[in-house]
């Protein structure tokens, strides 16, 4: 479960994935991603960013077929965004990390989608 939360600390662009693999911070003094400004992203752009981070992390962690990872991560990203309140999504855009209730919602989505 920790690996997917690490993937969600969305940082600098790495190849096609556009996601970092920096471990999650405590959320209090979380640094913003280097050069990535998510504040103006639409919900769809944010969902794709979360999905890309998930695919990147899964491919790093396990020998998996990319289409399988894309499907599982698409499930995860969609479930996360549906579960987040607008304030929680705004905070994710601002800080790049899940905090408080948003973190538990992300963990629940990870279990549901088996990532």
Protein backbone atom coordinates (compact mmCIF):
# COMPACT_ATOMS: atom_id res chain seq x y z
CA UNK A 1 0.00 0.00 0.00
CA UNK A 2 2.86 2.40 0.80
CA UNK A 3 4.22 2.07 -2.74
CA UNK A 4 1.11 3.56 -4.30
CA UNK A 5 1.04 6.44 -1.86
CA UNK A 6 4.66 7.07 -2.73
CA UNK A 7 3.65 7.23 -6.35
CA UNK A 8 1.16 9.90 -5.54
CA UNK A 9 3.69 12.39 -4.37
CA UNK A 10 3.63 13.84 -7.81
CA UNK A 11 6.93 15.42 -8.65
CA UNK A 12 9.06 16.08 -11.68
CA UNK A 13 8.52 14.60 -15.11
CA UNK A 14 10.18 11.26 -15.65
CA UNK A 15 9.81 10.01 -19.18
CA UNK A 16 6.26 9.40 -20.29
CA UNK A 17 4.99 8.77 -16.78
CA UNK A 18 5.26 12.40 -15.63
CA UNK A 19 5.48 11.21 -12.05
CA UNK A 20 8.11 10.91 -9.39
CA UNK A 21 8.91 8.15 -7.01
CA UNK A 22 9.80 10.23 -3.98
CA UNK A 23 8.45 8.60 -0.79
CA UNK A 24 5.51 10.31 0.86
CA UNK A 25 6.29 13.02 3.33
CA UNK A 26 4.51 13.50 6.59
CA UNK A 27 2.28 15.98 4.75
CA UNK A 28 3.18 18.86 7.04
CA UNK A 29 6.18 20.29 5.21
CA UNK A 30 5.65 18.53 1.90
CA UNK A 31 7.70 20.03 -0.91
CA UNK A 32 5.96 20.77 -4.16
CA UNK A 33 7.14 18.83 -7.18
CA UNK A 34 10.04 20.32 -9.05
CA UNK A 35 8.60 22.12 -12.04
CA UNK A 36 5.14 20.53 -11.81
CA UNK A 37 2.31 22.95 -11.09
CA UNK A 38 -0.93 21.05 -10.64
CA UNK A 39 -2.95 23.99 -9.34
CA UNK A 40 -4.55 24.70 -12.71
CA UNK A 41 -5.24 21.08 -13.66
CA UNK A 42 -8.74 19.94 -14.49
CA UNK A 43 -10.13 16.86 -12.76
CA UNK A 44 -9.37 14.79 -15.86
CA UNK A 45 -5.77 16.02 -15.99
CA UNK A 46 -5.35 15.26 -12.29
CA UNK A 47 -6.84 11.77 -12.77
CA UNK A 48 -4.37 11.09 -15.60
CA UNK A 49 -1.47 12.35 -13.46
CA UNK A 50 -2.48 9.97 -10.64
CA UNK A 51 -2.87 7.10 -13.12
CA UNK A 52 0.54 7.80 -14.67
CA UNK A 53 2.20 7.85 -11.25
CA UNK A 54 0.55 4.55 -10.40
CA UNK A 55 1.64 2.87 -13.67
CA UNK A 56 5.17 4.15 -13.17
CA UNK A 57 5.30 2.78 -9.63
CA UNK A 58 3.78 -0.60 -10.58
CA UNK A 59 6.22 -1.06 -13.45
CA UNK A 60 9.07 -0.24 -11.10
CA UNK A 61 7.84 -2.69 -8.44
CA UNK A 62 6.67 -5.72 -10.35
CA UNK A 63 7.03 -7.47 -13.66
CA UNK A 64 3.62 -6.63 -14.98
CA UNK A 65 2.09 -6.28 -18.39
CA UNK A 66 1.61 -2.58 -19.03
CA UNK A 67 -2.03 -2.98 -20.09
CA UNK A 68 -2.78 -4.71 -16.78
CA UNK A 69 -1.11 -1.87 -14.87
CA UNK A 70 -2.98 0.76 -16.89
CA UNK A 71 -6.30 -0.93 -16.16
CA UNK A 72 -5.64 -1.29 -12.43
CA UNK A 73 -4.28 2.24 -12.15
CA UNK A 74 -7.20 3.65 -14.14
CA UNK A 75 -9.52 2.03 -11.61
CA UNK A 76 -7.46 3.50 -8.77
CA UNK A 77 -7.26 7.04 -10.17
CA UNK A 78 -10.98 7.13 -10.96
CA UNK A 79 -11.95 5.84 -7.52
CA UNK A 80 -9.67 8.32 -5.78
CA UNK A 81 -11.07 11.32 -7.60
CA UNK A 82 -14.67 10.21 -7.09
CA UNK A 83 -14.01 9.82 -3.36
CA UNK A 84 -12.23 13.15 -2.83
CA UNK A 85 -14.18 16.23 -1.86
CA UNK A 86 -13.44 19.38 -3.86
CA UNK A 87 -11.39 20.70 -0.92
CA UNK A 88 -9.33 17.50 -0.77
CA UNK A 89 -8.76 17.56 -4.54
CA UNK A 90 -7.71 21.21 -4.27
CA UNK A 91 -5.27 20.36 -1.50
CA UNK A 92 -3.83 17.54 -3.64
CA UNK A 93 -3.35 19.98 -6.50
CA UNK A 94 -1.67 22.46 -4.16
CA UNK A 95 0.64 20.13 -2.22
CA UNK A 96 1.01 17.02 -4.37
CA UNK A 97 0.25 14.69 -1.43
CA UNK A 98 -2.79 13.08 0.14
CA UNK A 99 -3.42 14.33 3.66
CA UNK A 100 -5.87 13.36 6.37
CA UNK A 101 -9.08 11.79 5.06
CA UNK A 102 -7.79 11.92 1.49
CA UNK A 103 -4.99 9.53 2.43
CA UNK A 104 -7.43 6.94 3.80
CA UNK A 105 -9.57 7.32 0.66
CA UNK A 106 -6.49 6.68 -1.49
CA UNK A 107 -5.63 3.59 0.56
CA UNK A 108 -9.17 2.29 0.18
CA UNK A 109 -9.06 2.81 -3.59
CA UNK A 110 -5.72 0.99 -3.74
CA UNK A 111 -7.23 -2.04 -1.98
CA UNK A 112 -10.33 -2.02 -4.18
CA UNK A 113 -8.31 -1.88 -7.40
CA UNK A 114 -5.55 -4.23 -6.21
CA UNK A 115 -2.65 -1.86 -6.75
